[in-house]
Amino acid sequence: MKVLGITGGVGSGKSEVLRYMEEEYGAVVCQLDEVAKALQKKGTDCYDKIIEQFGLEVTGENEELDRKKLAAIIFQDENKRRILNGIVHPEVKKWVEQDIIEKKKRGVPLYVIEAALLPEAGYEDICQEMWYIYTEESVRRERLKKSRGYSDETISRMIRSQSPESVFRKACHIVIDNSGTFERTKKQIGEQL
């Protein structure tokens, strides 16, 4: 089984690439954000550790974590962000490692781990290759306006909050240029697989 890491900035078209890899290559896609959300549900070890550190004020009426409240805290305090990452990231990684073992037993040919922050997340030891889905900023902006209705200001803030292109290029073995037609992107994927 080949294990790939896929990353790229907001609006780069990662979702479309992942869907294509599932349909065309039988890939199992693991999105780290989704795993993290599942592992932070009420009743999990992660949840308990987060409440222990941040208190019940980061929960909503149903006592589940309120992501907006938590985000407001961690984006204003680097130390608190480190604490949260120290709770969540090791649990996510452990879950992914177990999932890879399970999928390998089932004969899955391709396992794809996706995260916008993959270069910083420490998955180089798990992934045989890291792919950067590169897309020109003007194309990303257009996509985000069309698909999500974001303003220029919101898009600029999101792009600024992510790692610069140089970080992605340095961390990744392969660059897939998704600025043009998706047919061109499919061809690049096929050549790499």
N, C-alpha and C. Protein backbone atom coordinates (compact mmCIF):
# COMPACT_ATOMS: atom_id res chain seq x y z
N MET A 1 0.85 -1.19 0.00
CA MET A 1 0.00 0.00 0.00
C MET A 1 0.89 1.24 0.00
N LYS A 2 0.55 2.17 -0.86
CA LYS A 2 1.29 3.43 -0.92
C LYS A 2 0.57 4.44 -0.01
N VAL A 3 1.35 5.14 0.81
CA VAL A 3 0.80 6.16 1.70
C VAL A 3 1.31 7.52 1.24
N LEU A 4 0.37 8.37 0.85
CA LEU A 4 0.70 9.71 0.34
C LEU A 4 0.18 10.76 1.30
N GLY A 5 0.93 11.86 1.41
CA GLY A 5 0.43 13.03 2.11
C GLY A 5 0.10 14.08 1.07
N ILE A 6 -1.06 14.71 1.21
CA ILE A 6 -1.44 15.76 0.27
C ILE A 6 -1.74 17.03 1.05
N THR A 7 -1.16 18.13 0.57
CA THR A 7 -1.35 19.40 1.23
C THR A 7 -1.46 20.52 0.19
N GLY A 8 -1.85 21.67 0.64
CA GLY A 8 -1.98 22.82 -0.25
C GLY A 8 -2.80 23.88 0.45
N GLY A 9 -2.67 25.08 -0.01
CA GLY A 9 -3.39 26.19 0.62
C GLY A 9 -4.89 26.16 0.35
N VAL A 10 -5.58 27.01 1.07
CA VAL A 10 -7.03 27.12 0.90
C VAL A 10 -7.35 27.51 -0.55
N GLY A 11 -8.33 26.84 -1.13
CA GLY A 11 -8.74 27.14 -2.50
C GLY A 11 -7.87 26.49 -3.57
N SER A 12 -6.95 25.61 -3.16
CA SER A 12 -6.06 24.99 -4.15
C SER A 12 -6.72 23.85 -4.92
N GLY A 13 -7.87 23.39 -4.44
CA GLY A 13 -8.57 22.31 -5.14
C GLY A 13 -8.25 20.92 -4.60
N LYS A 14 -7.80 20.86 -3.36
CA LYS A 14 -7.46 19.56 -2.76
C LYS A 14 -8.66 18.62 -2.76
N SER A 15 -9.84 19.13 -2.44
CA SER A 15 -11.04 18.27 -2.35
C SER A 15 -11.32 17.57 -3.67
N GLU A 16 -11.21 18.29 -4.76
CA GLU A 16 -11.45 17.70 -6.08
C GLU A 16 -10.39 16.64 -6.39
N VAL A 17 -9.14 16.91 -6.04
CA VAL A 17 -8.05 15.95 -6.24
C VAL A 17 -8.32 14.69 -5.43
N LEU A 18 -8.73 14.85 -4.18
CA LEU A 18 -9.00 13.70 -3.31
C LEU A 18 -10.15 12.86 -3.85
N ARG A 19 -11.22 13.52 -4.27
CA ARG A 19 -12.38 12.80 -4.85
C ARG A 19 -11.95 11.97 -6.06
N TYR A 20 -11.15 12.58 -6.92
CA TYR A 20 -10.66 11.90 -8.11
C TYR A 20 -9.81 10.68 -7.73
N MET A 21 -8.95 10.83 -6.74
CA MET A 21 -8.09 9.72 -6.33
C MET A 21 -8.91 8.57 -5.73
N GLU A 22 -9.98 8.92 -5.03
CA GLU A 22 -10.88 7.88 -4.50
C GLU A 22 -11.54 7.12 -5.65
N GLU A 23 -12.11 7.87 -6.58
CA GLU A 23 -12.87 7.27 -7.68
C GLU A 23 -11.97 6.52 -8.66
N GLU A 24 -10.86 7.12 -9.03
CA GLU A 24 -10.02 6.57 -10.10
C GLU A 24 -9.01 5.54 -9.61
N TYR A 25 -8.51 5.70 -8.39
CA TYR A 25 -7.42 4.85 -7.91
C TYR A 25 -7.77 4.03 -6.67
N GLY A 26 -9.02 4.09 -6.22
CA GLY A 26 -9.44 3.32 -5.04
C GLY A 26 -8.77 3.77 -3.76
N ALA A 27 -8.39 5.04 -3.70
CA ALA A 27 -7.71 5.57 -2.52
C ALA A 27 -8.66 5.68 -1.33
N VAL A 28 -8.12 5.43 -0.16
CA VAL A 28 -8.81 5.75 1.08
C VAL A 28 -8.26 7.11 1.48
N VAL A 29 -9.16 8.07 1.69
CA VAL A 29 -8.74 9.43 2.04
C VAL A 29 -8.97 9.67 3.52
N CYS A 30 -7.94 10.13 4.18
CA CYS A 30 -8.00 10.45 5.60
C CYS A 30 -7.74 11.94 5.75
N GLN A 31 -8.78 12.69 6.10
CA GLN A 31 -8.62 14.13 6.30
C GLN A 31 -8.38 14.39 7.79
N LEU A 32 -7.20 14.89 8.10
CA LEU A 32 -6.81 15.03 9.50
C LEU A 32 -7.76 15.92 10.30
N ASP A 33 -8.33 16.96 9.67
CA ASP A 33 -9.29 17.82 10.38
C ASP A 33 -10.51 17.03 10.84
N GLU A 34 -10.98 16.12 9.97
CA GLU A 34 -12.16 15.31 10.31
C GLU A 34 -11.84 14.33 11.43
N VAL A 35 -10.66 13.72 11.37
CA VAL A 35 -10.24 12.79 12.43
C VAL A 35 -10.17 13.55 13.76
N ALA A 36 -9.55 14.74 13.72
CA ALA A 36 -9.41 15.55 14.94
C ALA A 36 -10.77 15.89 15.53
N LYS A 37 -11.73 16.26 14.69
CA LYS A 37 -13.08 16.59 15.18
C LYS A 37 -13.71 15.38 15.86
N ALA A 38 -13.59 14.21 15.24
CA ALA A 38 -14.18 12.99 15.80
C ALA A 38 -13.54 12.64 17.14
N LEU A 39 -12.23 12.84 17.24
CA LEU A 39 -11.52 12.49 18.47
C LEU A 39 -11.75 13.51 19.59
N GLN A 40 -12.41 14.63 19.28
CA GLN A 40 -12.68 15.65 20.30
C GLN A 40 -14.14 15.67 20.74
N LYS A 41 -14.89 14.65 20.35
CA LYS A 41 -16.29 14.56 20.77
C LYS A 41 -16.36 14.30 22.28
N LYS A 42 -17.47 14.70 22.88
CA LYS A 42 -17.69 14.49 24.31
C LYS A 42 -17.53 13.00 24.62
N GLY A 43 -16.81 12.72 25.71
CA GLY A 43 -16.62 11.33 26.13
C GLY A 43 -15.29 10.73 25.69
N THR A 44 -14.52 11.46 24.89
CA THR A 44 -13.21 10.94 24.44
C THR A 44 -12.11 11.45 25.36
N ASP A 45 -10.95 10.80 25.30
CA ASP A 45 -9.80 11.25 26.09
C ASP A 45 -9.41 12.68 25.72
N CYS A 46 -9.39 12.95 24.41
CA CYS A 46 -9.03 14.30 23.93
C CYS A 46 -9.95 15.35 24.55
N TYR A 47 -11.25 15.09 24.48
CA TYR A 47 -12.25 16.02 25.02
C TYR A 47 -11.94 16.30 26.50
N ASP A 48 -11.74 15.22 27.26
CA ASP A 48 -11.50 15.37 28.69
C ASP A 48 -10.25 16.21 28.97
N LYS A 49 -9.19 15.97 28.20
CA LYS A 49 -7.94 16.72 28.39
C LYS A 49 -8.13 18.19 28.01
N ILE A 50 -8.90 18.46 26.96
CA ILE A 50 -9.16 19.85 26.54
C ILE A 50 -9.95 20.58 27.63
N ILE A 51 -10.98 19.93 28.17
CA ILE A 51 -11.79 20.54 29.24
C ILE A 51 -10.92 20.80 30.47
N GLU A 52 -10.06 19.84 30.78
CA GLU A 52 -9.14 19.98 31.92
C GLU A 52 -8.27 21.24 31.76
N GLN A 53 -7.81 21.50 30.53
CA GLN A 53 -6.94 22.64 30.27
C GLN A 53 -7.68 23.97 30.10
N PHE A 54 -8.83 23.92 29.40
CA PHE A 54 -9.51 25.16 28.99
C PHE A 54 -10.81 25.43 29.73
N GLY A 55 -11.32 24.44 30.45
CA GLY A 55 -12.56 24.64 31.21
C GLY A 55 -13.81 24.46 30.36
N LEU A 56 -14.95 24.39 31.02
CA LEU A 56 -16.24 24.16 30.33
C LEU A 56 -16.69 25.36 29.50
N GLU A 57 -16.02 26.51 29.66
CA GLU A 57 -16.42 27.69 28.87
C GLU A 57 -16.14 27.52 27.38
N VAL A 58 -15.40 26.46 26.99
CA VAL A 58 -15.17 26.22 25.56
C VAL A 58 -16.19 25.23 24.99
N THR A 59 -17.27 24.98 25.75
CA THR A 59 -18.32 24.09 25.25
C THR A 59 -19.59 24.89 24.96
N GLY A 60 -20.47 24.25 24.19
CA GLY A 60 -21.76 24.85 23.89
C GLY A 60 -22.82 24.28 24.82
N GLU A 61 -24.10 24.51 24.47
CA GLU A 61 -25.22 24.05 25.30
C GLU A 61 -25.23 22.53 25.45
N ASN A 62 -24.85 21.83 24.40
CA ASN A 62 -24.87 20.36 24.42
C ASN A 62 -23.62 19.76 25.05
N GLU A 63 -22.77 20.62 25.60
CA GLU A 63 -21.50 20.27 26.23
C GLU A 63 -20.45 19.72 25.26
N GLU A 64 -20.74 19.77 23.95
CA GLU A 64 -19.71 19.45 22.95
C GLU A 64 -18.81 20.68 22.85
N LEU A 65 -17.60 20.50 22.33
CA LEU A 65 -16.70 21.63 22.16
C LEU A 65 -17.30 22.64 21.19
N ASP A 66 -17.18 23.90 21.52
CA ASP A 66 -17.59 24.97 20.62
C ASP A 66 -16.32 25.46 19.94
N ARG A 67 -16.17 25.08 18.68
CA ARG A 67 -14.93 25.35 17.95
C ARG A 67 -14.62 26.85 17.85
N LYS A 68 -15.66 27.67 17.76
CA LYS A 68 -15.43 29.11 17.65
C LYS A 68 -14.86 29.66 18.96
N LYS A 69 -15.40 29.20 20.07
CA LYS A 69 -14.90 29.66 21.38
C LYS A 69 -13.44 29.22 21.57
N LEU A 70 -13.15 27.99 21.22
CA LEU A 70 -11.80 27.46 21.36
C LEU A 70 -10.83 28.20 20.43
N ALA A 71 -11.28 28.43 19.20
CA ALA A 71 -10.44 29.15 18.22
C ALA A 71 -10.12 30.56 18.71
N ALA A 72 -11.11 31.23 19.29
CA ALA A 72 -10.89 32.60 19.79
C ALA A 72 -9.79 32.62 20.84
N ILE A 73 -9.71 31.57 21.65
CA ILE A 73 -8.67 31.50 22.69
C ILE A 73 -7.32 31.19 22.07
N ILE A 74 -7.24 30.15 21.25
CA ILE A 74 -5.93 29.70 20.77
C ILE A 74 -5.31 30.61 19.72
N PHE A 75 -6.14 31.40 19.02
CA PHE A 75 -5.55 32.31 18.03
C PHE A 75 -5.08 33.61 18.66
N GLN A 76 -5.39 33.80 19.94
CA GLN A 76 -4.89 34.98 20.65
C GLN A 76 -3.75 34.64 21.60
N ASP A 77 -3.53 33.34 21.81
CA ASP A 77 -2.51 32.93 22.78
C ASP A 77 -1.73 31.74 22.22
N GLU A 78 -0.50 32.02 21.79
CA GLU A 78 0.34 30.99 21.16
C GLU A 78 0.59 29.81 22.11
N ASN A 79 0.75 30.10 23.39
CA ASN A 79 0.99 29.04 24.37
C ASN A 79 -0.21 28.10 24.47
N LYS A 80 -1.40 28.68 24.47
CA LYS A 80 -2.62 27.86 24.54
C LYS A 80 -2.81 27.04 23.26
N ARG A 81 -2.40 27.61 22.14
CA ARG A 81 -2.47 26.86 20.88
C ARG A 81 -1.53 25.65 20.95
N ARG A 82 -0.35 25.87 21.50
CA ARG A 82 0.61 24.76 21.67
C ARG A 82 0.04 23.67 22.58
N ILE A 83 -0.61 24.10 23.65
CA ILE A 83 -1.22 23.14 24.59
C ILE A 83 -2.28 22.31 23.86
N LEU A 84 -3.15 22.98 23.11
CA LEU A 84 -4.20 22.26 22.38
C LEU A 84 -3.59 21.30 21.36
N ASN A 85 -2.63 21.78 20.59
CA ASN A 85 -1.97 20.92 19.59
C ASN A 85 -1.28 19.73 20.27
N GLY A 86 -0.72 19.95 21.44
CA GLY A 86 -0.06 18.89 22.19
C GLY A 86 -1.03 17.81 22.67
N ILE A 87 -2.28 18.19 22.83
CA ILE A 87 -3.32 17.22 23.21
C ILE A 87 -3.83 16.49 21.97
N VAL A 88 -4.16 17.24 20.94
CA VAL A 88 -4.87 16.68 19.78
C VAL A 88 -3.95 15.95 18.80
N HIS A 89 -2.82 16.56 18.41
CA HIS A 89 -1.98 15.98 17.34
C HIS A 89 -1.50 14.56 17.62
N PRO A 90 -0.99 14.27 18.83
CA PRO A 90 -0.55 12.89 19.07
C PRO A 90 -1.68 11.86 18.95
N GLU A 91 -2.88 12.24 19.40
CA GLU A 91 -4.04 11.33 19.31
C GLU A 91 -4.43 11.08 17.86
N VAL A 92 -4.41 12.14 17.06
CA VAL A 92 -4.75 12.02 15.64
C VAL A 92 -3.74 11.10 14.95
N LYS A 93 -2.47 11.33 15.22
CA LYS A 93 -1.42 10.54 14.58
C LYS A 93 -1.54 9.06 14.96
N LYS A 94 -1.81 8.80 16.22
CA LYS A 94 -1.98 7.42 16.69
C LYS A 94 -3.16 6.76 15.96
N TRP A 95 -4.26 7.50 15.82
CA TRP A 95 -5.44 6.99 15.12
C TRP A 95 -5.10 6.67 13.66
N VAL A 96 -4.39 7.58 13.00
CA VAL A 96 -4.03 7.40 11.58
C VAL A 96 -3.13 6.16 11.43
N GLU A 97 -2.16 6.01 12.31
CA GLU A 97 -1.27 4.85 12.23
C GLU A 97 -2.04 3.55 12.35
N GLN A 98 -3.02 3.51 13.26
CA GLN A 98 -3.88 2.31 13.40
C GLN A 98 -4.72 2.08 12.15
N ASP A 99 -5.27 3.17 11.61
CA ASP A 99 -6.12 3.07 10.42
C ASP A 99 -5.32 2.55 9.23
N ILE A 100 -4.08 2.98 9.10
CA ILE A 100 -3.21 2.51 8.01
C ILE A 100 -3.00 1.00 8.13
N ILE A 101 -2.75 0.53 9.35
CA ILE A 101 -2.56 -0.90 9.58
C ILE A 101 -3.82 -1.67 9.15
N GLU A 102 -4.99 -1.16 9.57
CA GLU A 102 -6.27 -1.81 9.21
C GLU A 102 -6.48 -1.85 7.69
N LYS A 103 -6.25 -0.72 7.04
CA LYS A 103 -6.51 -0.64 5.59
C LYS A 103 -5.51 -1.50 4.82
N LYS A 104 -4.28 -1.60 5.32
CA LYS A 104 -3.26 -2.43 4.67
C LYS A 104 -3.70 -3.90 4.71
N LYS A 105 -4.24 -4.32 5.86
CA LYS A 105 -4.74 -5.70 6.01
C LYS A 105 -5.85 -5.98 5.00
N ARG A 106 -6.65 -4.96 4.70
CA ARG A 106 -7.78 -5.12 3.76
C ARG A 106 -7.34 -5.03 2.30
N GLY A 107 -6.06 -4.74 2.07
CA GLY A 107 -5.56 -4.69 0.70
C GLY A 107 -5.84 -3.39 -0.03
N VAL A 108 -6.04 -2.31 0.71
CA VAL A 108 -6.25 -1.00 0.09
C VAL A 108 -4.96 -0.61 -0.64
N PRO A 109 -5.05 -0.18 -1.93
CA PRO A 109 -3.83 0.12 -2.69
C PRO A 109 -3.19 1.48 -2.38
N LEU A 110 -4.02 2.45 -1.96
CA LEU A 110 -3.53 3.82 -1.81
C LEU A 110 -4.22 4.48 -0.63
N TYR A 111 -3.43 5.02 0.27
CA TYR A 111 -3.95 5.70 1.46
C TYR A 111 -3.46 7.13 1.39
N VAL A 112 -4.37 8.08 1.40
CA VAL A 112 -4.02 9.49 1.23
C VAL A 112 -4.38 10.28 2.50
N ILE A 113 -3.38 10.90 3.09
CA ILE A 113 -3.57 11.75 4.27
C ILE A 113 -3.59 13.20 3.80
N GLU A 114 -4.65 13.92 4.15
CA GLU A 114 -4.78 15.31 3.71
C GLU A 114 -4.83 16.24 4.91
N ALA A 115 -4.06 17.31 4.83
CA ALA A 115 -4.14 18.38 5.82
C ALA A 115 -3.50 19.63 5.24
N ALA A 116 -4.12 20.76 5.52
CA ALA A 116 -3.55 22.04 5.07
C ALA A 116 -2.20 22.28 5.75
N LEU A 117 -2.06 21.79 6.97
CA LEU A 117 -0.83 22.03 7.73
C LEU A 117 0.06 20.79 7.78
N LEU A 118 -0.04 19.94 6.78
CA LEU A 118 0.72 18.68 6.77
C LEU A 118 2.23 18.88 6.95
N PRO A 119 2.84 19.89 6.31
CA PRO A 119 4.28 20.06 6.50
C PRO A 119 4.69 20.27 7.96
N GLU A 120 3.81 20.90 8.74
CA GLU A 120 4.13 21.16 10.15
C GLU A 120 3.67 20.04 11.07
N ALA A 121 2.86 19.13 10.55
CA ALA A 121 2.21 18.13 11.41
C ALA A 121 3.08 16.91 11.73
N GLY A 122 4.19 16.75 11.03
CA GLY A 122 5.10 15.66 11.35
C GLY A 122 4.69 14.29 10.82
N TYR A 123 4.22 14.24 9.59
CA TYR A 123 3.81 12.96 9.00
C TYR A 123 4.80 12.42 7.98
N GLU A 124 6.00 13.03 7.93
CA GLU A 124 7.00 12.59 6.96
C GLU A 124 7.39 11.13 7.18
N ASP A 125 7.35 10.69 8.44
CA ASP A 125 7.73 9.32 8.75
C ASP A 125 6.65 8.30 8.37
N ILE A 126 5.45 8.77 8.13
CA ILE A 126 4.33 7.88 7.77
C ILE A 126 4.13 7.85 6.26
N CYS A 127 4.29 9.02 5.62
CA CYS A 127 4.02 9.14 4.17
C CYS A 127 5.26 8.78 3.36
N GLN A 128 5.06 7.95 2.33
CA GLN A 128 6.18 7.66 1.42
C GLN A 128 6.48 8.86 0.54
N GLU A 129 5.44 9.62 0.21
CA GLU A 129 5.60 10.84 -0.58
C GLU A 129 4.68 11.91 -0.03
N MET A 130 5.13 13.16 -0.15
CA MET A 130 4.30 14.31 0.21
C MET A 130 4.07 15.10 -1.08
N TRP A 131 2.80 15.36 -1.38
CA TRP A 131 2.43 16.10 -2.58
C TRP A 131 1.88 17.47 -2.20
N TYR A 132 2.32 18.47 -2.93
CA TYR A 132 1.80 19.83 -2.76
C TYR A 132 0.90 20.14 -3.94
N ILE A 133 -0.37 20.43 -3.65
CA ILE A 133 -1.30 20.85 -4.70
C ILE A 133 -1.14 22.37 -4.81
N TYR A 134 -0.39 22.77 -5.84
CA TYR A 134 -0.11 24.18 -6.05
C TYR A 134 -1.18 24.76 -6.99
N THR A 135 -1.64 25.95 -6.65
CA THR A 135 -2.57 26.68 -7.51
C THR A 135 -2.24 28.15 -7.40
N GLU A 136 -2.16 28.82 -8.55
CA GLU A 136 -1.87 30.26 -8.55
C GLU A 136 -2.88 30.99 -7.66
N GLU A 137 -2.40 32.00 -6.97
CA GLU A 137 -3.25 32.72 -6.02
C GLU A 137 -4.50 33.30 -6.68
N SER A 138 -4.38 33.83 -7.88
CA SER A 138 -5.55 34.42 -8.55
C SER A 138 -6.64 33.36 -8.79
N VAL A 139 -6.23 32.14 -9.11
CA VAL A 139 -7.17 31.04 -9.33
C VAL A 139 -7.82 30.64 -8.00
N ARG A 140 -7.01 30.56 -6.96
CA ARG A 140 -7.52 30.22 -5.63
C ARG A 140 -8.57 31.24 -5.19
N ARG A 141 -8.26 32.53 -5.39
CA ARG A 141 -9.18 33.59 -5.00
C ARG A 141 -10.51 33.45 -5.74
N GLU A 142 -10.42 33.22 -7.04
CA GLU A 142 -11.63 33.08 -7.87
C GLU A 142 -12.48 31.89 -7.39
N ARG A 143 -11.83 30.77 -7.11
CA ARG A 143 -12.54 29.57 -6.63
C ARG A 143 -13.24 29.84 -5.31
N LEU A 144 -12.54 30.50 -4.38
CA LEU A 144 -13.11 30.75 -3.06
C LEU A 144 -14.28 31.73 -3.12
N LYS A 145 -14.21 32.68 -4.03
CA LYS A 145 -15.33 33.62 -4.21
C LYS A 145 -16.54 32.87 -4.74
N LYS A 146 -16.28 32.04 -5.76
CA LYS A 146 -17.37 31.32 -6.43
C LYS A 146 -17.97 30.22 -5.55
N SER A 147 -17.12 29.38 -4.96
CA SER A 147 -17.63 28.23 -4.22
C SER A 147 -18.11 28.55 -2.80
N ARG A 148 -17.47 29.52 -2.15
CA ARG A 148 -17.82 29.79 -0.75
C ARG A 148 -18.35 31.19 -0.51
N GLY A 149 -18.31 32.03 -1.55
CA GLY A 149 -18.83 33.39 -1.41
C GLY A 149 -18.00 34.29 -0.51
N TYR A 150 -16.71 33.99 -0.36
CA TYR A 150 -15.85 34.78 0.50
C TYR A 150 -15.50 36.12 -0.13
N SER A 151 -15.29 37.12 0.73
CA SER A 151 -14.85 38.44 0.27
C SER A 151 -13.33 38.41 0.06
N ASP A 152 -12.83 39.41 -0.68
CA ASP A 152 -11.38 39.52 -0.89
C ASP A 152 -10.63 39.61 0.44
N GLU A 153 -11.21 40.36 1.37
CA GLU A 153 -10.58 40.55 2.68
C GLU A 153 -10.48 39.23 3.44
N THR A 154 -11.56 38.45 3.43
CA THR A 154 -11.56 37.14 4.10
C THR A 154 -10.54 36.21 3.46
N ILE A 155 -10.50 36.20 2.14
CA ILE A 155 -9.56 35.34 1.42
C ILE A 155 -8.12 35.73 1.75
N SER A 156 -7.84 37.04 1.75
CA SER A 156 -6.49 37.51 2.07
C SER A 156 -6.08 37.08 3.46
N ARG A 157 -6.99 37.20 4.42
CA ARG A 157 -6.71 36.82 5.80
C ARG A 157 -6.42 35.31 5.87
N MET A 158 -7.22 34.50 5.18
CA MET A 158 -7.02 33.04 5.18
C MET A 158 -5.68 32.67 4.57
N ILE A 159 -5.35 33.28 3.45
CA ILE A 159 -4.09 32.97 2.77
C ILE A 159 -2.90 33.38 3.65
N ARG A 160 -3.01 34.55 4.28
CA ARG A 160 -1.93 35.02 5.16
C ARG A 160 -1.73 34.10 6.37
N SER A 161 -2.82 33.49 6.84
CA SER A 161 -2.73 32.65 8.04
C SER A 161 -2.08 31.30 7.76
N GLN A 162 -1.96 30.93 6.48
CA GLN A 162 -1.37 29.64 6.14
C GLN A 162 0.12 29.80 5.81
N SER A 163 0.79 28.66 5.78
CA SER A 163 2.23 28.67 5.47
C SER A 163 2.46 29.25 4.08
N PRO A 164 3.60 29.92 3.89
CA PRO A 164 3.91 30.41 2.55
C PRO A 164 4.25 29.25 1.61
N GLU A 165 4.14 29.52 0.33
CA GLU A 165 4.40 28.51 -0.70
C GLU A 165 5.76 27.83 -0.51
N SER A 166 6.76 28.59 -0.10
CA SER A 166 8.12 28.04 0.06
C SER A 166 8.15 26.88 1.07
N VAL A 167 7.33 26.95 2.11
CA VAL A 167 7.27 25.88 3.13
C VAL A 167 6.72 24.61 2.50
N PHE A 168 5.63 24.75 1.73
CA PHE A 168 5.03 23.59 1.06
C PHE A 168 6.04 22.96 0.08
N ARG A 169 6.66 23.80 -0.72
CA ARG A 169 7.60 23.29 -1.74
C ARG A 169 8.80 22.59 -1.09
N LYS A 170 9.28 23.12 0.02
CA LYS A 170 10.42 22.52 0.70
C LYS A 170 10.05 21.17 1.32
N ALA A 171 8.83 21.06 1.86
CA ALA A 171 8.41 19.84 2.57
C ALA A 171 7.94 18.72 1.65
N CYS A 172 7.56 19.07 0.42
CA CYS A 172 6.92 18.08 -0.46
C CYS A 172 7.86 17.58 -1.55
N HIS A 173 7.71 16.31 -1.90
CA HIS A 173 8.50 15.67 -2.95
C HIS A 173 7.98 16.03 -4.34
N ILE A 174 6.66 16.18 -4.43
CA ILE A 174 6.02 16.33 -5.74
C ILE A 174 5.08 17.53 -5.71
N VAL A 175 5.09 18.31 -6.79
CA VAL A 175 4.18 19.44 -6.92
C VAL A 175 3.22 19.14 -8.07
N ILE A 176 1.94 19.17 -7.76
CA ILE A 176 0.90 19.02 -8.78
C ILE A 176 0.33 20.41 -9.02
N ASP A 177 0.45 20.91 -10.25
CA ASP A 177 -0.06 22.24 -10.57
C ASP A 177 -1.53 22.13 -10.96
N ASN A 178 -2.38 22.65 -10.09
CA ASN A 178 -3.83 22.58 -10.30
C ASN A 178 -4.39 23.95 -10.70
N SER A 179 -3.57 24.75 -11.39
CA SER A 179 -4.01 26.09 -11.80
C SER A 179 -4.80 26.07 -13.10
N GLY A 180 -4.59 25.04 -13.92
CA GLY A 180 -5.24 24.97 -15.23
C GLY A 180 -6.48 24.09 -15.20
N THR A 181 -6.69 23.35 -16.29
CA THR A 181 -7.87 22.48 -16.36
C THR A 181 -7.65 21.26 -15.47
N PHE A 182 -8.76 20.66 -15.04
CA PHE A 182 -8.62 19.49 -14.18
C PHE A 182 -8.11 18.29 -14.99
N GLU A 183 -8.32 18.31 -16.28
CA GLU A 183 -7.76 17.25 -17.15
C GLU A 183 -6.23 17.25 -17.03
N ARG A 184 -5.65 18.45 -17.01
CA ARG A 184 -4.20 18.56 -16.87
C ARG A 184 -3.74 18.05 -15.49
N THR A 185 -4.55 18.34 -14.48
CA THR A 185 -4.23 17.87 -13.13
C THR A 185 -4.30 16.35 -13.08
N LYS A 186 -5.33 15.76 -13.68
CA LYS A 186 -5.48 14.29 -13.71
C LYS A 186 -4.27 13.64 -14.36
N LYS A 187 -3.78 14.25 -15.44
CA LYS A 187 -2.62 13.71 -16.16
C LYS A 187 -1.40 13.70 -15.24
N GLN A 188 -1.20 14.79 -14.49
CA GLN A 188 -0.06 14.86 -13.57
C GLN A 188 -0.16 13.81 -12.46
N ILE A 189 -1.38 13.62 -11.94
CA ILE A 189 -1.59 12.61 -10.90
C ILE A 189 -1.25 11.22 -11.46
N GLY A 190 -1.76 10.93 -12.64
CA GLY A 190 -1.50 9.64 -13.27
C GLY A 190 -0.02 9.38 -13.47
N GLU A 191 0.70 10.42 -13.87
CA GLU A 191 2.15 10.28 -14.09
C GLU A 191 2.90 9.99 -12.79
N GLN A 192 2.40 10.52 -11.68
CA GLN A 192 3.07 10.32 -10.39
C GLN A 192 2.71 8.98 -9.74
N LEU A 193 1.50 8.49 -10.05
CA LEU A 193 1.08 7.21 -9.46
C LEU A 193 1.48 6.05 -10.37
